[in-house]
Amino acid sequence: MESARKEAISCIYCGKKTMCVTYAGSYQYRAVCLSCHKQFGFSAPSRAAADLICRTLQKK
């Protein structure tokens, strides 16, 4: 599985910096928190767009 971001981002659920984003194929990405184990999926047309989504999540 190809990684969308190498570093972990802050989880939108528990706030810990343990959420990892991976490429699931066919424009689909999956974010999974290693602490609280919650996850969500999203679509992005490119890795750059997925990076932008992750940076936007960090600002919340």
Protein backbone atom coordinates (compact mmCIF):
# COMPACT_ATOMS: atom_id res chain seq x y z
CA MET A 1 0.00 0.00 0.00
CA GLU A 2 1.40 3.36 -0.98
CA SER A 3 1.52 6.08 1.69
CA ALA A 4 -0.18 9.43 1.10
CA ARG A 5 1.69 11.14 3.95
CA LYS A 6 4.82 9.90 5.64
CA GLU A 7 4.20 11.62 8.98
CA ALA A 8 1.21 11.11 11.23
CA ILE A 9 -1.42 13.83 11.53
CA SER A 10 -3.64 14.78 14.45
CA CYS A 11 -6.72 12.58 14.78
CA ILE A 12 -9.98 14.45 14.20
CA TYR A 13 -11.63 12.24 16.84
CA CYS A 14 -9.22 11.96 19.81
CA GLY A 15 -6.74 14.77 18.98
CA LYS A 16 -3.58 12.63 19.30
CA LYS A 17 -1.01 12.88 16.52
CA THR A 18 -1.40 9.22 15.54
CA MET A 19 -3.62 9.32 12.43
CA CYS A 20 -2.03 7.82 9.32
CA VAL A 21 -3.32 8.21 5.77
CA THR A 22 -2.78 5.47 3.20
CA TYR A 23 -3.63 5.09 -0.46
CA ALA A 24 -6.28 2.38 -0.97
CA GLY A 25 -6.31 2.47 -4.79
CA SER A 26 -8.51 4.04 -7.43
CA TYR A 27 -8.38 7.59 -5.96
CA GLN A 28 -9.44 6.29 -2.52
CA TYR A 29 -7.54 7.14 0.66
CA ARG A 30 -8.10 5.85 4.19
CA ALA A 31 -7.23 7.67 7.41
CA VAL A 32 -6.81 5.46 10.48
CA CYS A 33 -5.98 6.53 14.04
CA LEU A 34 -3.54 4.21 15.77
CA SER A 35 -4.73 5.38 19.21
CA CYS A 36 -8.54 5.33 19.12
CA HIS A 37 -8.79 3.07 16.00
CA LYS A 38 -11.43 5.27 14.35
CA GLN A 39 -11.15 5.66 10.60
CA PHE A 40 -12.67 7.33 7.59
CA GLY A 41 -12.18 7.20 3.85
CA PHE A 42 -12.05 9.97 1.27
CA SER A 43 -11.48 10.40 -2.45
CA ALA A 44 -8.82 12.64 -3.95
CA PRO A 45 -7.74 12.96 -7.60
CA SER A 46 -4.02 12.95 -6.72
CA ARG A 47 -1.54 12.60 -3.89
CA ALA A 48 -1.16 16.40 -3.84
CA ALA A 49 -4.90 16.77 -3.31
CA ALA A 50 -4.80 14.18 -0.51
CA ASP A 51 -1.96 16.16 1.10
CA LEU A 52 -4.06 19.33 0.90
CA ILE A 53 -6.99 17.56 2.58
CA CYS A 54 -4.66 16.38 5.37
CA ARG A 55 -3.26 19.89 5.89
CA THR A 56 -6.81 21.26 6.07
CA LEU A 57 -7.74 18.66 8.70
CA GLN A 58 -4.73 19.75 10.75
CA LYS A 59 -6.05 23.33 10.96
CA LYS A 60 -9.30 22.27 12.67
